[in-house]
All heavy atoms as atom14 arrays in JSON, in Angstrom:
{
  "sequence": "AAERDPAVRALADRLGDAGLALRAGTKQGMGEGVKAVRHACGLVVAMM",
  "atom14_mask": [
    [1, 1, 1, 1, 1, 0, 0, 0, 0, 0, 0, 0, 0, 0],
    [1, 1, 1, 1, 1, 0, 0, 0, 0, 0, 0, 0, 0, 0],
    [1, 1, 1, 1, 1, 1, 1, 1, 1, 0, 0, 0, 0, 0],
    [1, 1, 1, 1, 1, 1, 1, 1, 1, 1, 1, 0, 0, 0],
    [1, 1, 1, 1, 1, 1, 1, 1, 0, 0, 0, 0, 0, 0],
    [1, 1, 1, 1, 1, 1, 1, 0, 0, 0, 0, 0, 0, 0],
    [1, 1, 1, 1, 1, 0, 0, 0, 0, 0, 0, 0, 0, 0],
    [1, 1, 1, 1, 1, 1, 1, 0, 0, 0, 0, 0, 0, 0],
    [1, 1, 1, 1, 1, 1, 1, 1, 1, 1, 1, 0, 0, 0],
    [1, 1, 1, 1, 1, 0, 0, 0, 0, 0, 0, 0, 0, 0],
    [1, 1, 1, 1, 1, 1, 1, 1, 0, 0, 0, 0, 0, 0],
    [1, 1, 1, 1, 1, 0, 0, 0, 0, 0, 0, 0, 0, 0],
    [1, 1, 1, 1, 1, 1, 1, 1, 0, 0, 0, 0, 0, 0],
    [1, 1, 1, 1, 1, 1, 1, 1, 1, 1, 1, 0, 0, 0],
    [1, 1, 1, 1, 1, 1, 1, 1, 0, 0, 0, 0, 0, 0],
    [1, 1, 1, 1, 0, 0, 0, 0, 0, 0, 0, 0, 0, 0],
    [1, 1, 1, 1, 1, 1, 1, 1, 0, 0, 0, 0, 0, 0],
    [1, 1, 1, 1, 1, 0, 0, 0, 0, 0, 0, 0, 0, 0],
    [1, 1, 1, 1, 0, 0, 0, 0, 0, 0, 0, 0, 0, 0],
    [1, 1, 1, 1, 1, 1, 1, 1, 0, 0, 0, 0, 0, 0],
    [1, 1, 1, 1, 1, 0, 0, 0, 0, 0, 0, 0, 0, 0],
    [1, 1, 1, 1, 1, 1, 1, 1, 0, 0, 0, 0, 0, 0],
    [1, 1, 1, 1, 1, 1, 1, 1, 1, 1, 1, 0, 0, 0],
    [1, 1, 1, 1, 1, 0, 0, 0, 0, 0, 0, 0, 0, 0],
    [1, 1, 1, 1, 0, 0, 0, 0, 0, 0, 0, 0, 0, 0],
    [1, 1, 1, 1, 1, 1, 1, 0, 0, 0, 0, 0, 0, 0],
    [1, 1, 1, 1, 1, 1, 1, 1, 1, 0, 0, 0, 0, 0],
    [1, 1, 1, 1, 1, 1, 1, 1, 1, 0, 0, 0, 0, 0],
    [1, 1, 1, 1, 0, 0, 0, 0, 0, 0, 0, 0, 0, 0],
    [1, 1, 1, 1, 1, 1, 1, 1, 0, 0, 0, 0, 0, 0],
    [1, 1, 1, 1, 0, 0, 0, 0, 0, 0, 0, 0, 0, 0],
    [1, 1, 1, 1, 1, 1, 1, 1, 1, 0, 0, 0, 0, 0],
    [1, 1, 1, 1, 0, 0, 0, 0, 0, 0, 0, 0, 0, 0],
    [1, 1, 1, 1, 1, 1, 1, 0, 0, 0, 0, 0, 0, 0],
    [1, 1, 1, 1, 1, 1, 1, 1, 1, 0, 0, 0, 0, 0],
    [1, 1, 1, 1, 1, 0, 0, 0, 0, 0, 0, 0, 0, 0],
    [1, 1, 1, 1, 1, 1, 1, 0, 0, 0, 0, 0, 0, 0],
    [1, 1, 1, 1, 1, 1, 1, 1, 1, 1, 1, 0, 0, 0],
    [1, 1, 1, 1, 1, 1, 1, 1, 1, 1, 0, 0, 0, 0],
    [1, 1, 1, 1, 1, 0, 0, 0, 0, 0, 0, 0, 0, 0],
    [1, 1, 1, 1, 1, 1, 0, 0, 0, 0, 0, 0, 0, 0],
    [1, 1, 1, 1, 0, 0, 0, 0, 0, 0, 0, 0, 0, 0],
    [1, 1, 1, 1, 1, 1, 1, 1, 0, 0, 0, 0, 0, 0],
    [1, 1, 1, 1, 1, 1, 1, 0, 0, 0, 0, 0, 0, 0],
    [1, 1, 1, 1, 1, 1, 1, 0, 0, 0, 0, 0, 0, 0],
    [1, 1, 1, 1, 1, 0, 0, 0, 0, 0, 0, 0, 0, 0],
    [1, 1, 1, 1, 1, 1, 1, 1, 0, 0, 0, 0, 0, 0],
    [1, 1, 1, 1, 1, 1, 1, 1, 0, 0, 0, 0, 0, 0]
  ],
  "atom14_positions": [
    [[0.8, -1.18, 0.04], [-0.04, 0.03, 0.03], [0.9, 1.25, -0.01], [0.55, 2.21, -0.68], [-0.91, 0.0, 1.23], [0.0, 0.0, 0.0], [0.0, 0.0, 0.0], [0.0, 0.0, 0.0], [0.0, 0.0, 0.0], [0.0, 0.0, 0.0], [0.0, 0.0, 0.0], [0.0, 0.0, 0.0], [0.0, 0.0, 0.0], [0.0, 0.0, 0.0]],
    [[1.91, 1.23, 0.78], [2.82, 2.41, 0.81], [3.52, 2.64, -0.5], [3.79, 3.8, -0.91], [3.85, 2.22, 2.02], [0.0, 0.0, 0.0], [0.0, 0.0, 0.0], [0.0, 0.0, 0.0], [0.0, 0.0, 0.0], [0.0, 0.0, 0.0], [0.0, 0.0, 0.0], [0.0, 0.0, 0.0], [0.0, 0.0, 0.0], [0.0, 0.0, 0.0]],
    [[3.91, 1.52, -1.13], [4.62, 1.65, -2.47], [3.76, 2.4, -3.5], [4.21, 3.14, -4.34], [4.94, 0.25, -2.99], [6.06, -0.4, -2.22], [6.29, -1.84, -2.76], [5.93, -2.03, -3.92], [6.78, -2.62, -2.01], [0.0, 0.0, 0.0], [0.0, 0.0, 0.0], [0.0, 0.0, 0.0], [0.0, 0.0, 0.0], [0.0, 0.0, 0.0]],
    [[2.4, 2.05, -3.53], [1.54, 2.48, -4.48], [0.78, 3.82, -4.06], [-0.01, 4.39, -4.87], [0.37, 1.53, -4.73], [1.02, 0.2, -5.23], [-0.09, -0.94, -5.3], [0.46, -2.13, -5.81], [-0.29, -3.3, -5.91], [-1.5, -3.23, -5.57], [0.31, -4.37, -6.43], [0.0, 0.0, 0.0], [0.0, 0.0, 0.0], [0.0, 0.0, 0.0]],
    [[1.24, 4.47, -2.98], [0.53, 5.66, -2.53], [0.94, 6.88, -3.42], [2.08, 6.82, -3.81], [0.87, 5.92, -1.03], [0.06, 6.98, -0.43], [-1.1, 6.7, 0.02], [0.5, 8.09, -0.34], [0.0, 0.0, 0.0], [0.0, 0.0, 0.0], [0.0, 0.0, 0.0], [0.0, 0.0, 0.0], [0.0, 0.0, 0.0], [0.0, 0.0, 0.0]],
    [[0.03, 7.87, -3.54], [0.41, 9.01, -4.33], [1.69, 9.76, -3.83], [2.23, 10.53, -4.62], [-0.83, 9.89, -4.24], [-2.0, 8.9, -3.97], [-1.41, 7.78, -3.22], [0.0, 0.0, 0.0], [0.0, 0.0, 0.0], [0.0, 0.0, 0.0], [0.0, 0.0, 0.0], [0.0, 0.0, 0.0], [0.0, 0.0, 0.0], [0.0, 0.0, 0.0]],
    [[1.88, 9.59, -2.52], [3.07, 10.27, -1.96], [4.38, 9.83, -2.63], [5.24, 10.68, -2.83], [3.21, 10.04, -0.44], [0.0, 0.0, 0.0], [0.0, 0.0, 0.0], [0.0, 0.0, 0.0], [0.0, 0.0, 0.0], [0.0, 0.0, 0.0], [0.0, 0.0, 0.0], [0.0, 0.0, 0.0], [0.0, 0.0, 0.0], [0.0, 0.0, 0.0]],
    [[4.45, 8.52, -2.97], [5.65, 8.05, -3.65], [5.67, 8.51, -5.0], [6.75, 8.94, -5.56], [5.66, 6.54, -3.61], [6.82, 5.93, -4.4], [5.75, 5.99, -2.12], [0.0, 0.0, 0.0], [0.0, 0.0, 0.0], [0.0, 0.0, 0.0], [0.0, 0.0, 0.0], [0.0, 0.0, 0.0], [0.0, 0.0, 0.0], [0.0, 0.0, 0.0]],
    [[4.55, 8.67, -5.75], [4.54, 9.2, -7.07], [4.91, 10.66, -7.16], [5.66, 11.1, -7.98], [3.13, 9.01, -7.66], [2.77, 7.55, -8.01], [1.59, 7.41, -8.93], [0.36, 7.97, -8.29], [-0.45, 7.15, -7.53], [-0.13, 5.88, -7.4], [-1.55, 7.62, -7.06], [0.0, 0.0, 0.0], [0.0, 0.0, 0.0], [0.0, 0.0, 0.0]],
    [[4.44, 11.41, -6.1], [4.83, 12.78, -6.02], [6.37, 12.96, -5.75], [7.0, 13.87, -6.34], [4.06, 13.52, -4.87], [0.0, 0.0, 0.0], [0.0, 0.0, 0.0], [0.0, 0.0, 0.0], [0.0, 0.0, 0.0], [0.0, 0.0, 0.0], [0.0, 0.0, 0.0], [0.0, 0.0, 0.0], [0.0, 0.0, 0.0], [0.0, 0.0, 0.0]],
    [[6.96, 12.05, -4.9], [8.35, 12.05, -4.63], [9.11, 11.85, -5.95], [10.1, 12.41, -6.23], [8.69, 11.01, -3.63], [10.1, 10.83, -3.24], [10.79, 12.02, -2.65], [10.27, 9.61, -2.26], [0.0, 0.0, 0.0], [0.0, 0.0, 0.0], [0.0, 0.0, 0.0], [0.0, 0.0, 0.0], [0.0, 0.0, 0.0], [0.0, 0.0, 0.0]],
    [[8.65, 10.76, -6.66], [9.29, 10.4, -7.96], [9.24, 11.6, -8.94], [10.29, 11.92, -9.65], [8.63, 9.22, -8.63], [0.0, 0.0, 0.0], [0.0, 0.0, 0.0], [0.0, 0.0, 0.0], [0.0, 0.0, 0.0], [0.0, 0.0, 0.0], [0.0, 0.0, 0.0], [0.0, 0.0, 0.0], [0.0, 0.0, 0.0], [0.0, 0.0, 0.0]],
    [[8.08, 12.28, -8.95], [8.02, 13.42, -9.91], [8.92, 14.53, -9.55], [9.54, 15.28, -10.39], [6.55, 13.89, -9.98], [5.59, 12.92, -10.59], [6.11, 12.01, -11.42], [4.37, 12.96, -10.4], [0.0, 0.0, 0.0], [0.0, 0.0, 0.0], [0.0, 0.0, 0.0], [0.0, 0.0, 0.0], [0.0, 0.0, 0.0], [0.0, 0.0, 0.0]],
    [[8.99, 14.79, -8.29], [9.87, 15.89, -7.73], [11.4, 15.63, -8.04], [12.08, 16.4, -8.56], [9.69, 15.96, -6.2], [10.43, 17.19, -5.66], [10.0, 17.48, -4.3], [10.32, 16.38, -3.29], [9.44, 15.62, -2.76], [8.15, 15.74, -2.99], [9.72, 14.65, -1.85], [0.0, 0.0, 0.0], [0.0, 0.0, 0.0], [0.0, 0.0, 0.0]],
    [[11.8, 14.34, -7.83], [13.17, 13.9, -8.17], [13.37, 13.92, -9.71], [14.48, 14.32, -10.18], [13.52, 12.61, -7.62], [13.61, 12.49, -6.04], [13.56, 11.12, -5.66], [14.76, 13.33, -5.55], [0.0, 0.0, 0.0], [0.0, 0.0, 0.0], [0.0, 0.0, 0.0], [0.0, 0.0, 0.0], [0.0, 0.0, 0.0], [0.0, 0.0, 0.0]],
    [[12.36, 13.65, -10.44], [12.55, 13.66, -11.92], [12.68, 15.05, -12.43], [13.48, 15.37, -13.3], [0.0, 0.0, 0.0], [0.0, 0.0, 0.0], [0.0, 0.0, 0.0], [0.0, 0.0, 0.0], [0.0, 0.0, 0.0], [0.0, 0.0, 0.0], [0.0, 0.0, 0.0], [0.0, 0.0, 0.0], [0.0, 0.0, 0.0], [0.0, 0.0, 0.0]],
    [[11.9, 16.03, -11.83], [11.95, 17.4, -12.22], [13.38, 18.01, -11.86], [13.79, 18.82, -12.53], [10.79, 18.22, -11.54], [9.46, 17.95, -12.07], [9.36, 17.34, -13.22], [8.41, 18.18, -11.34], [0.0, 0.0, 0.0], [0.0, 0.0, 0.0], [0.0, 0.0, 0.0], [0.0, 0.0, 0.0], [0.0, 0.0, 0.0], [0.0, 0.0, 0.0]],
    [[13.94, 17.49, -10.79], [15.28, 17.92, -10.31], [16.34, 17.25, -11.17], [17.52, 17.52, -10.97], [15.48, 17.55, -8.86], [0.0, 0.0, 0.0], [0.0, 0.0, 0.0], [0.0, 0.0, 0.0], [0.0, 0.0, 0.0], [0.0, 0.0, 0.0], [0.0, 0.0, 0.0], [0.0, 0.0, 0.0], [0.0, 0.0, 0.0], [0.0, 0.0, 0.0]],
    [[16.06, 16.33, -11.98], [17.07, 15.63, -12.92], [17.77, 14.59, -12.05], [18.84, 14.14, -12.52], [0.0, 0.0, 0.0], [0.0, 0.0, 0.0], [0.0, 0.0, 0.0], [0.0, 0.0, 0.0], [0.0, 0.0, 0.0], [0.0, 0.0, 0.0], [0.0, 0.0, 0.0], [0.0, 0.0, 0.0], [0.0, 0.0, 0.0], [0.0, 0.0, 0.0]],
    [[17.32, 14.16, -10.92], [18.04, 13.2, -10.17], [17.46, 11.75, -10.36], [18.22, 10.78, -10.04], [17.89, 13.53, -8.66], [18.49, 14.93, -8.25], [18.25, 15.2, -6.77], [19.95, 14.96, -8.64], [0.0, 0.0, 0.0], [0.0, 0.0, 0.0], [0.0, 0.0, 0.0], [0.0, 0.0, 0.0], [0.0, 0.0, 0.0], [0.0, 0.0, 0.0]],
    [[16.3, 11.62, -10.81], [15.66, 10.33, -11.05], [15.33, 10.08, -12.48], [15.08, 11.08, -13.15], [14.35, 10.13, -10.12], [0.0, 0.0, 0.0], [0.0, 0.0, 0.0], [0.0, 0.0, 0.0], [0.0, 0.0, 0.0], [0.0, 0.0, 0.0], [0.0, 0.0, 0.0], [0.0, 0.0, 0.0], [0.0, 0.0, 0.0], [0.0, 0.0, 0.0]],
    [[15.41, 8.83, -12.85], [14.93, 8.49, -14.24], [13.47, 8.47, -14.31], [12.78, 7.99, -13.48], [15.54, 7.1, -14.65], [16.98, 6.97, -14.71], [17.38, 5.42, -14.99], [17.63, 7.88, -15.75], [0.0, 0.0, 0.0], [0.0, 0.0, 0.0], [0.0, 0.0, 0.0], [0.0, 0.0, 0.0], [0.0, 0.0, 0.0], [0.0, 0.0, 0.0]],
    [[13.01, 9.06, -15.34], [11.54, 9.04, -15.51], [11.1, 7.73, -16.08], [11.85, 6.94, -16.6], [11.14, 10.27, -16.49], [11.3, 11.57, -15.93], [10.72, 12.71, -16.68], [10.77, 13.92, -16.1], [9.88, 14.39, -15.15], [8.95, 13.65, -14.69], [10.07, 15.64, -14.63], [0.0, 0.0, 0.0], [0.0, 0.0, 0.0], [0.0, 0.0, 0.0]],
    [[9.76, 7.46, -15.93], [9.28, 6.17, -16.32], [9.46, 5.92, -17.79], [9.71, 4.79, -18.25], [7.72, 6.16, -16.09], [0.0, 0.0, 0.0], [0.0, 0.0, 0.0], [0.0, 0.0, 0.0], [0.0, 0.0, 0.0], [0.0, 0.0, 0.0], [0.0, 0.0, 0.0], [0.0, 0.0, 0.0], [0.0, 0.0, 0.0], [0.0, 0.0, 0.0]],
    [[9.36, 6.9, -18.66], [9.58, 6.8, -20.05], [10.95, 6.36, -20.42], [11.26, 5.55, -21.31], [0.0, 0.0, 0.0], [0.0, 0.0, 0.0], [0.0, 0.0, 0.0], [0.0, 0.0, 0.0], [0.0, 0.0, 0.0], [0.0, 0.0, 0.0], [0.0, 0.0, 0.0], [0.0, 0.0, 0.0], [0.0, 0.0, 0.0], [0.0, 0.0, 0.0]],
    [[11.97, 6.88, -19.63], [13.39, 6.43, -19.91], [13.61, 5.06, -19.45], [14.23, 4.32, -20.22], [14.33, 7.4, -19.05], [14.09, 8.73, -19.39], [15.76, 7.08, -19.27], [0.0, 0.0, 0.0], [0.0, 0.0, 0.0], [0.0, 0.0, 0.0], [0.0, 0.0, 0.0], [0.0, 0.0, 0.0], [0.0, 0.0, 0.0], [0.0, 0.0, 0.0]],
    [[13.08, 4.61, -18.41], [13.26, 3.17, -17.92], [12.54, 2.35, -18.97], [13.02, 1.21, -19.2], [12.64, 3.05, -16.57], [13.52, 3.71, -15.46], [13.03, 3.41, -14.08], [11.74, 4.26, -13.86], [11.27, 4.13, -12.46], [0.0, 0.0, 0.0], [0.0, 0.0, 0.0], [0.0, 0.0, 0.0], [0.0, 0.0, 0.0], [0.0, 0.0, 0.0]],
    [[11.38, 2.74, -19.41], [10.67, 1.88, -20.3], [11.41, 1.77, -21.67], [11.5, 0.74, -22.25], [9.34, 2.39, -20.57], [8.36, 1.66, -21.59], [6.99, 2.3, -21.74], [6.73, 3.22, -21.1], [6.27, 1.65, -22.58], [0.0, 0.0, 0.0], [0.0, 0.0, 0.0], [0.0, 0.0, 0.0], [0.0, 0.0, 0.0], [0.0, 0.0, 0.0]],
    [[12.06, 2.84, -22.04], [12.83, 2.86, -23.34], [14.0, 1.89, -23.22], [14.3, 1.18, -24.12], [0.0, 0.0, 0.0], [0.0, 0.0, 0.0], [0.0, 0.0, 0.0], [0.0, 0.0, 0.0], [0.0, 0.0, 0.0], [0.0, 0.0, 0.0], [0.0, 0.0, 0.0], [0.0, 0.0, 0.0], [0.0, 0.0, 0.0], [0.0, 0.0, 0.0]],
    [[14.66, 1.9, -22.01], [15.85, 0.98, -21.92], [15.28, -0.47, -21.94], [15.89, -1.32, -22.51], [16.47, 1.28, -20.5], [17.31, 2.56, -20.47], [18.77, 2.38, -21.45], [19.68, 1.16, -20.55], [0.0, 0.0, 0.0], [0.0, 0.0, 0.0], [0.0, 0.0, 0.0], [0.0, 0.0, 0.0], [0.0, 0.0, 0.0], [0.0, 0.0, 0.0]],
    [[14.17, -0.79, -21.26], [13.67, -2.12, -21.22], [13.24, -2.58, -22.62], [13.57, -3.76, -23.06], [0.0, 0.0, 0.0], [0.0, 0.0, 0.0], [0.0, 0.0, 0.0], [0.0, 0.0, 0.0], [0.0, 0.0, 0.0], [0.0, 0.0, 0.0], [0.0, 0.0, 0.0], [0.0, 0.0, 0.0], [0.0, 0.0, 0.0], [0.0, 0.0, 0.0]],
    [[12.57, -1.69, -23.46], [12.23, -2.02, -24.73], [13.45, -2.29, -25.59], [13.44, -3.11, -26.53], [11.34, -0.97, -25.32], [9.93, -0.91, -24.66], [9.14, 0.15, -25.17], [9.66, 1.04, -25.95], [7.93, 0.26, -24.86], [0.0, 0.0, 0.0], [0.0, 0.0, 0.0], [0.0, 0.0, 0.0], [0.0, 0.0, 0.0], [0.0, 0.0, 0.0]],
    [[14.53, -1.45, -25.34], [15.79, -1.57, -26.16], [16.39, -2.89, -25.92], [16.85, -3.67, -26.85], [0.0, 0.0, 0.0], [0.0, 0.0, 0.0], [0.0, 0.0, 0.0], [0.0, 0.0, 0.0], [0.0, 0.0, 0.0], [0.0, 0.0, 0.0], [0.0, 0.0, 0.0], [0.0, 0.0, 0.0], [0.0, 0.0, 0.0], [0.0, 0.0, 0.0]],
    [[16.47, -3.33, -24.69], [17.04, -4.78, -24.27], [16.22, -5.8, -24.9], [16.68, -6.72, -25.43], [17.13, -4.91, -22.82], [17.5, -6.31, -22.37], [18.12, -3.86, -22.22], [0.0, 0.0, 0.0], [0.0, 0.0, 0.0], [0.0, 0.0, 0.0], [0.0, 0.0, 0.0], [0.0, 0.0, 0.0], [0.0, 0.0, 0.0], [0.0, 0.0, 0.0]],
    [[14.87, -5.63, -24.85], [14.06, -6.74, -25.44], [14.27, -6.71, -26.93], [14.25, -7.83, -27.62], [12.57, -6.36, -25.17], [11.56, -7.37, -25.72], [10.14, -6.98, -25.44], [9.84, -6.87, -24.0], [8.39, -6.57, -23.65], [0.0, 0.0, 0.0], [0.0, 0.0, 0.0], [0.0, 0.0, 0.0], [0.0, 0.0, 0.0], [0.0, 0.0, 0.0]],
    [[14.42, -5.61, -27.66], [14.66, -5.62, -29.07], [15.99, -6.39, -29.38], [16.1, -7.01, -30.44], [14.69, -4.19, -29.6], [0.0, 0.0, 0.0], [0.0, 0.0, 0.0], [0.0, 0.0, 0.0], [0.0, 0.0, 0.0], [0.0, 0.0, 0.0], [0.0, 0.0, 0.0], [0.0, 0.0, 0.0], [0.0, 0.0, 0.0], [0.0, 0.0, 0.0]],
    [[17.02, -6.09, -28.6], [18.27, -6.82, -28.9], [18.1, -8.3, -28.66], [18.67, -9.05, -29.37], [19.37, -6.18, -28.02], [20.68, -7.01, -28.14], [19.7, -4.73, -28.34], [0.0, 0.0, 0.0], [0.0, 0.0, 0.0], [0.0, 0.0, 0.0], [0.0, 0.0, 0.0], [0.0, 0.0, 0.0], [0.0, 0.0, 0.0], [0.0, 0.0, 0.0]],
    [[17.39, -8.69, -27.69], [17.05, -10.13, -27.47], [16.41, -10.76, -28.69], [16.74, -11.85, -29.09], [16.33, -10.43, -26.22], [17.05, -10.12, -24.87], [16.25, -10.24, -23.72], [16.86, -9.99, -22.5], [16.27, -9.77, -21.37], [15.0, -9.68, -21.24], [17.0, -9.57, -20.23], [0.0, 0.0, 0.0], [0.0, 0.0, 0.0], [0.0, 0.0, 0.0]],
    [[15.44, -10.03, -29.27], [14.69, -10.56, -30.35], [15.61, -10.58, -31.6], [15.63, -11.55, -32.41], [13.54, -9.62, -30.66], [12.43, -9.74, -29.68], [11.29, -8.81, -29.62], [12.14, -10.67, -28.75], [10.53, -9.15, -28.67], [11.01, -10.27, -28.13], [0.0, 0.0, 0.0], [0.0, 0.0, 0.0], [0.0, 0.0, 0.0], [0.0, 0.0, 0.0]],
    [[16.58, -9.58, -31.7], [17.53, -9.63, -32.81], [18.5, -10.79, -32.69], [18.83, -11.35, -33.7], [18.29, -8.33, -32.8], [0.0, 0.0, 0.0], [0.0, 0.0, 0.0], [0.0, 0.0, 0.0], [0.0, 0.0, 0.0], [0.0, 0.0, 0.0], [0.0, 0.0, 0.0], [0.0, 0.0, 0.0], [0.0, 0.0, 0.0], [0.0, 0.0, 0.0]],
    [[18.82, -11.14, -31.37], [19.69, -12.29, -31.21], [18.94, -13.54, -31.67], [19.53, -14.44, -32.41], [20.04, -12.44, -29.78], [21.2, -13.81, -29.37], [0.0, 0.0, 0.0], [0.0, 0.0, 0.0], [0.0, 0.0, 0.0], [0.0, 0.0, 0.0], [0.0, 0.0, 0.0], [0.0, 0.0, 0.0], [0.0, 0.0, 0.0], [0.0, 0.0, 0.0]],
    [[17.65, -13.67, -31.42], [16.94, -14.79, -31.86], [16.73, -14.85, -33.45], [16.87, -15.92, -34.08], [0.0, 0.0, 0.0], [0.0, 0.0, 0.0], [0.0, 0.0, 0.0], [0.0, 0.0, 0.0], [0.0, 0.0, 0.0], [0.0, 0.0, 0.0], [0.0, 0.0, 0.0], [0.0, 0.0, 0.0], [0.0, 0.0, 0.0], [0.0, 0.0, 0.0]],
    [[16.67, -13.65, -34.0], [16.62, -13.52, -35.49], [17.85, -14.05, -36.05], [17.83, -14.68, -37.12], [16.4, -12.07, -35.93], [16.43, -11.72, -37.39], [15.19, -12.5, -38.1], [16.34, -10.21, -37.61], [0.0, 0.0, 0.0], [0.0, 0.0, 0.0], [0.0, 0.0, 0.0], [0.0, 0.0, 0.0], [0.0, 0.0, 0.0], [0.0, 0.0, 0.0]],
    [[19.03, -13.67, -35.51], [20.36, -14.12, -36.03], [20.43, -15.62, -36.03], [20.82, -16.32, -37.05], [21.47, -13.49, -35.24], [22.85, -14.15, -35.68], [21.58, -12.06, -35.4], [0.0, 0.0, 0.0], [0.0, 0.0, 0.0], [0.0, 0.0, 0.0], [0.0, 0.0, 0.0], [0.0, 0.0, 0.0], [0.0, 0.0, 0.0], [0.0, 0.0, 0.0]],
    [[19.96, -16.24, -34.97], [20.07, -17.71, -34.86], [19.06, -18.31, -35.87], [19.39, -19.39, -36.52], [19.65, -18.18, -33.43], [19.49, -19.65, -33.36], [20.68, -17.63, -32.41], [0.0, 0.0, 0.0], [0.0, 0.0, 0.0], [0.0, 0.0, 0.0], [0.0, 0.0, 0.0], [0.0, 0.0, 0.0], [0.0, 0.0, 0.0], [0.0, 0.0, 0.0]],
    [[17.86, -17.72, -36.0], [16.98, -18.26, -36.92], [17.51, -18.21, -38.44], [17.34, -19.15, -39.15], [15.6, -17.58, -36.87], [0.0, 0.0, 0.0], [0.0, 0.0, 0.0], [0.0, 0.0, 0.0], [0.0, 0.0, 0.0], [0.0, 0.0, 0.0], [0.0, 0.0, 0.0], [0.0, 0.0, 0.0], [0.0, 0.0, 0.0], [0.0, 0.0, 0.0]],
    [[18.07, -17.05, -38.76], [18.58, -16.89, -40.14], [19.79, -17.83, -40.35], [20.0, -18.26, -41.51], [19.04, -15.35, -40.31], [17.9, -14.41, -40.29], [16.7, -14.68, -41.74], [15.4, -15.5, -40.93], [0.0, 0.0, 0.0], [0.0, 0.0, 0.0], [0.0, 0.0, 0.0], [0.0, 0.0, 0.0], [0.0, 0.0, 0.0], [0.0, 0.0, 0.0]],
    [[20.6, -17.99, -39.29], [21.72, -18.87, -39.48], [21.21, -20.34, -39.7], [21.71, -21.06, -40.55], [22.62, -18.88, -38.23], [23.77, -19.74, -38.24], [24.89, -19.5, -36.82], [23.85, -19.85, -35.46], [0.0, 0.0, 0.0], [0.0, 0.0, 0.0], [0.0, 0.0, 0.0], [0.0, 0.0, 0.0], [0.0, 0.0, 0.0], [0.0, 0.0, 0.0]]
  ]
}
């Protein structure tokens, strides 16, 4: 309950505005980039 409380979201937004925390979009972009590389690895094996 404490993790999901608006107080934590406000804290995250404040740190993001200060340039100290990664925003959700940045973390999501990193995760999607890693997933894309994993798929590319599978593509190489399939093509081989």
